[in-house]
Amino acid sequence: MNDMLKLAKDIIRRAQDRARAYSDRQGSEINFEVGEKVYLRVPSRSEAMKTGPCPKLFSRYCGSFPILKRIGKMAY
């Protein structure tokens, strides 16, 4: 029983390591500076941006908004 538990934990750890390595390769950090202008992504079901009868044609982004202050590493 103890060997099976160790084996299961090892398999889970290896799967997590693979997922982490894949995520690190795919992801990229984007840094913005104060004063730059950015677009905000709008959720597809947002009531605020619906214009027209066809959901496929709704705006996916709104803006451009200037960055006023950096609050955290990824928060502006």
C-alpha atoms as a PDB file:
ATOM      1  CA  MET A   1       0.000   0.000   0.000  1.00  0.00           C
ATOM      2  CA  ASN A   2       2.811   2.407   0.891  1.00  0.00           C
ATOM      3  CA  ASP A   3       4.585   1.694  -2.411  1.00  0.00           C
ATOM      4  CA  MET A   4       1.420   2.461  -4.356  1.00  0.00           C
ATOM      5  CA  LEU A   5       1.040   5.778  -2.543  1.00  0.00           C
ATOM      6  CA  LYS A   6       4.645   6.737  -3.346  1.00  0.00           C
ATOM      7  CA  LEU A   7       4.132   5.739  -6.977  1.00  0.00           C
ATOM      8  CA  ALA A   8       0.928   7.792  -7.237  1.00  0.00           C
ATOM      9  CA  LYS A   9       2.589  10.852  -5.682  1.00  0.00           C
ATOM     10  CA  ASP A  10       5.553  10.513  -8.039  1.00  0.00           C
ATOM     11  CA  ILE A  11       3.288  10.293 -11.087  1.00  0.00           C
ATOM     12  CA  ILE A  12       1.312  13.349  -9.951  1.00  0.00           C
ATOM     13  CA  ARG A  13       4.523  15.316  -9.308  1.00  0.00           C
ATOM     14  CA  ARG A  14       5.875  14.481 -12.770  1.00  0.00           C
ATOM     15  CA  ALA A  15       2.578  15.495 -14.392  1.00  0.00           C
ATOM     16  CA  GLN A  16       2.639  18.795 -12.505  1.00  0.00           C
ATOM     17  CA  ASP A  17       6.233  19.416 -13.588  1.00  0.00           C
ATOM     18  CA  ARG A  18       5.304  18.785 -17.234  1.00  0.00           C
ATOM     19  CA  ALA A  19       2.308  21.115 -16.995  1.00  0.00           C
ATOM     20  CA  ARG A  20       4.438  23.818 -15.342  1.00  0.00           C
ATOM     21  CA  ALA A  21       7.139  23.529 -18.019  1.00  0.00           C
ATOM     22  CA  TYR A  22       4.543  23.763 -20.796  1.00  0.00           C
ATOM     23  CA  SER A  23       2.904  26.774 -19.174  1.00  0.00           C
ATOM     24  CA  ASP A  24       6.245  28.530 -18.725  1.00  0.00           C
ATOM     25  CA  ARG A  25       7.055  28.063 -22.420  1.00  0.00           C
ATOM     26  CA  GLN A  26       3.656  29.297 -23.616  1.00  0.00           C
ATOM     27  CA  GLY A  27       3.143  32.244 -21.309  1.00  0.00           C
ATOM     28  CA  SER A  28       4.762  35.593 -21.674  1.00  0.00           C
ATOM     29  CA  GLU A  29       4.740  38.536 -19.343  1.00  0.00           C
ATOM     30  CA  ILE A  30       3.638  41.827 -20.794  1.00  0.00           C
ATOM     31  CA  ASN A  31       4.718  44.910 -18.912  1.00  0.00           C
ATOM     32  CA  PHE A  32       3.168  48.307 -19.446  1.00  0.00           C
ATOM     33  CA  GLU A  33       4.492  51.698 -18.456  1.00  0.00           C
ATOM     34  CA  VAL A  34       2.526  54.564 -16.934  1.00  0.00           C
ATOM     35  CA  GLY A  35       1.107  56.698 -19.733  1.00  0.00           C
ATOM     36  CA  GLU A  36       0.783  53.895 -22.289  1.00  0.00           C
ATOM     37  CA  LYS A  37      -2.650  53.270 -23.743  1.00  0.00           C
ATOM     38  CA  VAL A  38      -4.240  49.827 -23.576  1.00  0.00           C
ATOM     39  CA  TYR A  39      -7.407  48.088 -24.695  1.00  0.00           C
ATOM     40  CA  LEU A  40      -9.501  46.119 -22.211  1.00  0.00           C
ATOM     41  CA  ARG A  41     -10.903  42.724 -23.116  1.00  0.00           C
ATOM     42  CA  VAL A  42     -14.654  42.566 -22.607  1.00  0.00           C
ATOM     43  CA  PRO A  43     -16.303  39.264 -21.612  1.00  0.00           C
ATOM     44  CA  SER A  44     -18.284  37.850 -24.528  1.00  0.00           C
ATOM     45  CA  ARG A  45     -21.584  38.024 -22.653  1.00  0.00           C
ATOM     46  CA  SER A  46     -21.109  41.547 -21.305  1.00  0.00           C
ATOM     47  CA  GLU A  47     -24.269  43.616 -21.534  1.00  0.00           C
ATOM     48  CA  ALA A  48     -22.288  46.856 -21.678  1.00  0.00           C
ATOM     49  CA  MET A  49     -20.744  46.265 -25.104  1.00  0.00           C
ATOM     50  CA  LYS A  50     -23.642  44.643 -26.987  1.00  0.00           C
ATOM     51  CA  THR A  51     -24.462  46.505 -30.164  1.00  0.00           C
ATOM     52  CA  GLY A  52     -26.553  45.017 -32.923  1.00  0.00           C
ATOM     53  CA  PRO A  53     -28.471  41.780 -33.282  1.00  0.00           C
ATOM     54  CA  CYS A  54     -25.601  39.343 -33.917  1.00  0.00           C
ATOM     55  CA  PRO A  55     -23.443  38.134 -30.981  1.00  0.00           C
ATOM     56  CA  LYS A  56     -20.550  37.314 -33.328  1.00  0.00           C
ATOM     57  CA  LEU A  57     -20.172  41.000 -34.137  1.00  0.00           C
ATOM     58  CA  PHE A  58     -20.023  42.289 -30.547  1.00  0.00           C
ATOM     59  CA  SER A  59     -16.907  44.228 -29.625  1.00  0.00           C
ATOM     60  CA  ARG A  60     -14.315  42.093 -27.868  1.00  0.00           C
ATOM     61  CA  TYR A  61     -12.221  45.024 -26.688  1.00  0.00           C
ATOM     62  CA  CYS A  62     -12.972  48.525 -25.497  1.00  0.00           C
ATOM     63  CA  GLY A  63     -10.663  51.454 -25.017  1.00  0.00           C
ATOM     64  CA  SER A  64      -8.055  52.808 -25.387  1.00  0.00           C
ATOM     65  CA  PHE A  65      -7.386  53.737 -21.777  1.00  0.00           C
ATOM     66  CA  PRO A  66      -4.203  55.358 -20.435  1.00  0.00           C
ATOM     67  CA  ILE A  67      -2.403  53.630 -17.582  1.00  0.00           C
ATOM     68  CA  LEU A  68      -2.449  56.010 -14.631  1.00  0.00           C
ATOM     69  CA  LYS A  69      -0.615  54.067 -11.940  1.00  0.00           C
ATOM     70  CA  ARG A  70       0.996  50.697 -11.367  1.00  0.00           C
ATOM     71  CA  ILE A  71      -0.483  49.008  -8.294  1.00  0.00           C
ATOM     72  CA  GLY A  72       1.252  45.625  -8.353  1.00  0.00           C
ATOM     73  CA  LYS A  73       3.285  43.329 -10.569  1.00  0.00           C
ATOM     74  CA  MET A  74       0.368  42.683 -12.938  1.00  0.00           C
ATOM     75  CA  ALA A  75      -2.175  45.249 -11.711  1.00  0.00           C
ATOM     76  CA  TYR A  76      -2.472  48.720 -13.175  1.00  0.00           C
END
